[in-house]
Amino acid sequence: MSSLDNVVFNQGLGFDDEEKTAPSSEVHIRNQQRNGRKSLTTISGLPDDLDLKKILKWIRKLYSTNGTVKEDKVHGEVIQVQGDLRSEIERFLIDYKVCSKEEIKVHGASI
């Protein structure tokens, strides 16, 4: 699998080469139950300097799911992914240095 170093961040942001993580913020990963066994995983609180569509593209490829980027009045831009992928998305965000483990808040029952 190729690296996301140039994929995740928008161009021309002035990050140091050693520092490949976004500035600190709280990232919330939630599961919303739909009908029956269907559910949505939402990711909110990601910094504005990240390219959410490219992050979503990689999540969709890695976990064979579908998703979209929605605009929310309260949370700003939110990534919505089909299925309960809270633990997988948490691992993805940490492994690809989108944010640190301390910045991530996973809501709902542990899996």
Protein backbone atom coordinates (compact mmCIF):
# COMPACT_ATOMS: atom_id res chain seq x y z
CA MET A 1 0.00 0.00 0.00
CA SER A 2 1.39 3.39 -0.89
CA SER A 3 1.90 6.19 1.56
CA LEU A 4 -0.65 8.93 2.19
CA ASP A 5 1.96 11.62 2.93
CA ASN A 6 1.11 13.68 -0.14
CA VAL A 7 -2.50 12.60 -0.35
CA VAL A 8 -3.93 13.64 3.01
CA PHE A 9 -2.78 17.24 3.31
CA ASN A 10 -3.80 20.01 0.95
CA GLN A 11 -0.87 21.53 -0.88
CA GLY A 12 1.05 24.60 0.35
CA LEU A 13 0.29 24.46 4.06
CA GLY A 14 3.80 24.97 5.37
CA PHE A 15 4.10 21.84 7.51
CA ASP A 16 7.62 20.80 8.44
CA ASP A 17 8.81 17.60 6.79
CA GLU A 18 9.26 15.90 10.18
CA GLU A 19 5.78 16.93 11.32
CA LYS A 20 3.28 15.04 9.16
CA THR A 21 0.31 15.24 11.52
CA ALA A 22 -2.28 17.99 11.55
CA PRO A 23 -2.44 20.55 14.34
CA SER A 24 -4.16 19.22 17.46
CA SER A 25 -7.95 19.06 17.60
CA GLU A 26 -10.53 16.59 18.81
CA VAL A 27 -11.70 14.09 16.22
CA HIS A 28 -15.00 12.38 17.04
CA ILE A 29 -15.88 8.98 15.58
CA ARG A 30 -19.53 8.03 16.08
CA ASN A 31 -21.86 5.25 14.99
CA GLN A 32 -25.42 6.13 14.00
CA GLN A 33 -27.91 3.29 13.86
CA ARG A 34 -30.22 3.40 10.86
CA ASN A 35 -32.81 0.68 10.35
CA GLY A 36 -32.25 -2.92 11.36
CA ARG A 37 -28.58 -3.86 11.07
CA LYS A 38 -27.67 -0.82 8.94
CA SER A 39 -25.50 1.90 10.44
CA LEU A 40 -23.33 4.89 9.55
CA THR A 41 -19.96 5.84 10.97
CA THR A 42 -19.33 9.58 11.12
CA ILE A 43 -15.98 11.31 11.54
CA SER A 44 -16.10 14.95 12.63
CA GLY A 45 -13.60 17.44 13.98
CA LEU A 46 -10.89 16.90 11.38
CA PRO A 47 -8.93 20.11 10.70
CA ASP A 48 -9.85 22.24 7.71
CA ASP A 49 -6.41 21.84 6.13
CA LEU A 50 -7.02 18.15 5.42
CA ASP A 51 -8.43 16.96 2.11
CA LEU A 52 -11.42 14.98 3.37
CA LYS A 53 -12.37 13.68 -0.07
CA LYS A 54 -8.96 12.04 -0.50
CA ILE A 55 -9.08 10.56 3.01
CA LEU A 56 -12.55 9.19 2.23
CA LYS A 57 -11.30 7.74 -1.06
CA TRP A 58 -8.63 5.74 0.79
CA ILE A 59 -11.06 4.59 3.51
CA ARG A 60 -13.50 3.40 0.83
CA LYS A 61 -10.77 1.43 -0.94
CA LEU A 62 -9.25 -0.11 2.19
CA TYR A 63 -12.49 -1.20 3.84
CA SER A 64 -14.65 -1.93 0.77
CA THR A 65 -17.40 0.45 1.79
CA ASN A 66 -19.07 3.58 0.49
CA GLY A 67 -19.23 7.05 1.98
CA THR A 68 -19.56 10.76 1.45
CA VAL A 69 -18.47 14.13 2.83
CA LYS A 70 -21.42 16.11 4.23
CA GLU A 71 -21.64 19.67 5.51
CA ASP A 72 -23.11 19.88 9.02
CA LYS A 73 -24.23 23.10 10.72
CA VAL A 74 -22.74 22.14 14.09
CA HIS A 75 -19.69 20.01 13.20
CA GLY A 76 -18.62 21.49 9.86
CA GLU A 77 -17.53 18.97 7.22
CA VAL A 78 -18.21 15.40 8.32
CA ILE A 79 -17.17 12.13 6.69
CA GLN A 80 -19.96 9.52 6.62
CA VAL A 81 -19.10 5.88 5.93
CA GLN A 82 -21.52 2.96 5.60
CA GLY A 83 -21.22 0.34 8.32
CA ASP A 84 -19.80 0.29 11.84
CA LEU A 85 -16.11 0.97 11.16
CA ARG A 86 -15.21 2.92 14.31
CA SER A 87 -12.21 0.81 15.31
CA GLU A 88 -10.94 0.48 11.72
CA ILE A 89 -11.15 4.22 11.10
CA GLU A 90 -9.43 4.97 14.41
CA ARG A 91 -6.56 2.66 13.41
CA PHE A 92 -6.46 4.25 9.92
CA LEU A 93 -6.21 7.80 11.30
CA ILE A 94 -3.39 6.80 13.67
CA ASP A 95 -1.44 4.62 11.20
CA TYR A 96 -1.43 7.25 8.46
CA LYS A 97 -0.68 10.05 10.96
CA VAL A 98 -3.79 12.04 10.21
CA CYS A 99 -4.11 12.61 13.97
CA SER A 100 -2.72 11.13 17.18
CA LYS A 101 -4.43 8.62 19.46
CA GLU A 102 -4.91 11.30 22.14
CA GLU A 103 -6.93 13.47 19.73
CA ILE A 104 -9.44 10.73 18.83
CA LYS A 105 -12.66 10.21 20.77
CA VAL A 106 -14.60 7.07 19.81
CA HIS A 107 -18.24 7.26 20.92
CA GLY A 108 -20.52 4.33 21.60
CA ALA A 109 -20.04 0.86 23.01
CA SER A 110 -16.63 -0.76 22.56
CA ILE A 111 -16.43 -3.47 20.03
